[in-house]
Each structure stands twice: as structure tokens, then as C-alpha cells.
Amino acid sequence: MEEVRQRVEYNASVKSSNLIILVLAILIACIGLNMNSITVLIGAMLISPLMGGIVAIGYGMAIYDIHLIRRSAMRECKMKCVSYR
């Protein structure tokens, strides 16, 4: 149980490797929009690290951990702010 929690929190963290992958996913999505290609857009969604925060929020709700939900929601907001700028 503890190993699952550690992996979920690790995938939801805001760190340099996740930010680099997020920037690459943004670039791929821009290329897909310019080419009007749905498959490229879906590929960008698949490599985007934004799903880690969503999974962590869901896991926090499943185990009734308010602190995990709050931390994950804040991390998700930070990642979305980076992706919108």
C-alpha cells in the first residue's frame, strides 16, 4: 500500500523532468494543430504528464486522504499554469 502511494505521489510531482516532458508535449500538440492532425494531438495527450496529478487526486479520494488531495490539486494547478503560458 505504501509503495502505491509513493509511486502516485512521485508521478504527480512538479519537477524538472515532468516540466521538460510537458514542454515537449506542448510542442507536439502545436505541430498537430498546425498540421490539422488528430493522431498527433492524441500522441501529445498520451505523453503529457498532467495525468499524474489527476490520478493522485483520485487515489486520495479513494483512500480519504485530504492532504494528498490538496497537494495533488495544487501540483496539478501549477502544471496547468505552466502549460497555459
Protein backbone atom coordinates (compact mmCIF):
# COMPACT_ATOMS: atom_id res chain seq x y z
CA MET A 1 0.00 0.00 0.00
CA GLU A 2 2.84 2.39 0.84
CA GLU A 3 4.62 1.64 -2.44
CA VAL A 4 1.49 2.52 -4.42
CA ARG A 5 1.18 5.81 -2.54
CA GLN A 6 4.83 6.67 -3.17
CA ARG A 7 4.51 5.97 -6.90
CA VAL A 8 1.33 8.04 -7.19
CA GLU A 9 2.92 10.98 -5.38
CA TYR A 10 6.11 10.67 -7.46
CA ASN A 11 4.15 10.79 -10.72
CA ALA A 12 2.19 13.84 -9.54
CA SER A 13 5.24 15.83 -8.50
CA VAL A 14 6.34 19.03 -10.22
CA LYS A 15 9.99 18.54 -11.07
CA SER A 16 12.29 19.29 -13.96
CA SER A 17 11.76 16.01 -15.83
CA ASN A 18 7.97 16.38 -15.77
CA LEU A 19 8.24 20.00 -16.88
CA ILE A 20 10.50 19.04 -19.80
CA ILE A 21 8.06 16.34 -20.88
CA LEU A 22 5.21 18.86 -20.55
CA VAL A 23 7.00 21.36 -22.80
CA LEU A 24 7.67 18.64 -25.37
CA ALA A 25 4.00 17.60 -25.27
CA ILE A 26 3.01 21.24 -25.82
CA LEU A 27 5.32 21.47 -28.84
CA ILE A 28 3.94 18.25 -30.30
CA ALA A 29 0.38 19.49 -29.76
CA CYS A 30 1.23 22.76 -31.56
CA ILE A 31 2.60 20.80 -34.50
CA GLY A 32 -0.55 18.68 -34.54
CA LEU A 33 -2.75 21.77 -34.54
CA ASN A 34 -0.78 23.33 -37.39
CA MET A 35 -0.96 20.11 -39.42
CA ASN A 36 -4.64 19.58 -38.52
CA SER A 37 -3.74 16.05 -37.43
CA ILE A 38 -5.84 14.33 -34.79
CA THR A 39 -3.34 11.49 -34.34
CA VAL A 40 -0.54 13.90 -33.43
CA LEU A 41 -2.80 15.64 -30.90
CA ILE A 42 -3.70 12.33 -29.30
CA GLY A 43 0.01 11.47 -29.15
CA ALA A 44 0.69 14.75 -27.35
CA MET A 45 -2.04 13.93 -24.83
CA LEU A 46 -0.55 10.50 -24.23
CA ILE A 47 2.91 11.79 -23.32
CA SER A 48 1.62 14.70 -21.25
CA PRO A 49 2.45 14.35 -17.52
CA LEU A 50 -0.78 16.09 -16.45
CA MET A 51 -2.46 12.74 -15.84
CA GLY A 52 -0.27 12.05 -12.78
CA GLY A 53 -1.98 14.77 -10.75
CA ILE A 54 -5.42 13.58 -11.75
CA VAL A 55 -4.57 10.02 -10.72
CA ALA A 56 -3.21 11.29 -7.39
CA ILE A 57 -6.41 13.24 -6.72
CA GLY A 58 -8.48 10.15 -7.50
CA TYR A 59 -6.28 7.98 -5.29
CA GLY A 60 -6.59 10.50 -2.47
CA MET A 61 -10.37 10.40 -2.79
CA ALA A 62 -10.33 6.60 -2.79
CA ILE A 63 -8.35 6.39 0.47
CA TYR A 64 -9.98 9.50 2.03
CA ASP A 65 -6.69 11.43 2.35
CA ILE A 66 -7.50 15.15 2.31
CA HIS A 67 -3.82 16.19 2.45
CA LEU A 68 -2.96 14.13 -0.64
CA ILE A 69 -5.93 15.60 -2.49
CA ARG A 70 -4.89 19.17 -1.64
CA ARG A 71 -1.23 18.63 -2.53
CA SER A 72 -2.13 16.93 -5.78
CA ALA A 73 -4.63 19.63 -6.72
CA MET A 74 -2.02 22.34 -6.10
CA ARG A 75 0.56 20.46 -8.16
CA GLU A 76 -1.97 19.99 -10.95
CA CYS A 77 -2.74 23.71 -10.93
CA LYS A 78 0.98 24.52 -11.18
CA MET A 79 1.41 22.18 -14.14
CA LYS A 80 -1.63 23.65 -15.88
CA CYS A 81 -0.35 27.19 -15.31
CA VAL A 82 2.91 26.19 -16.97
CA SER A 83 1.06 24.67 -19.91
CA TYR A 84 -1.20 27.71 -20.45
CA ARG A 85 1.60 30.27 -20.59
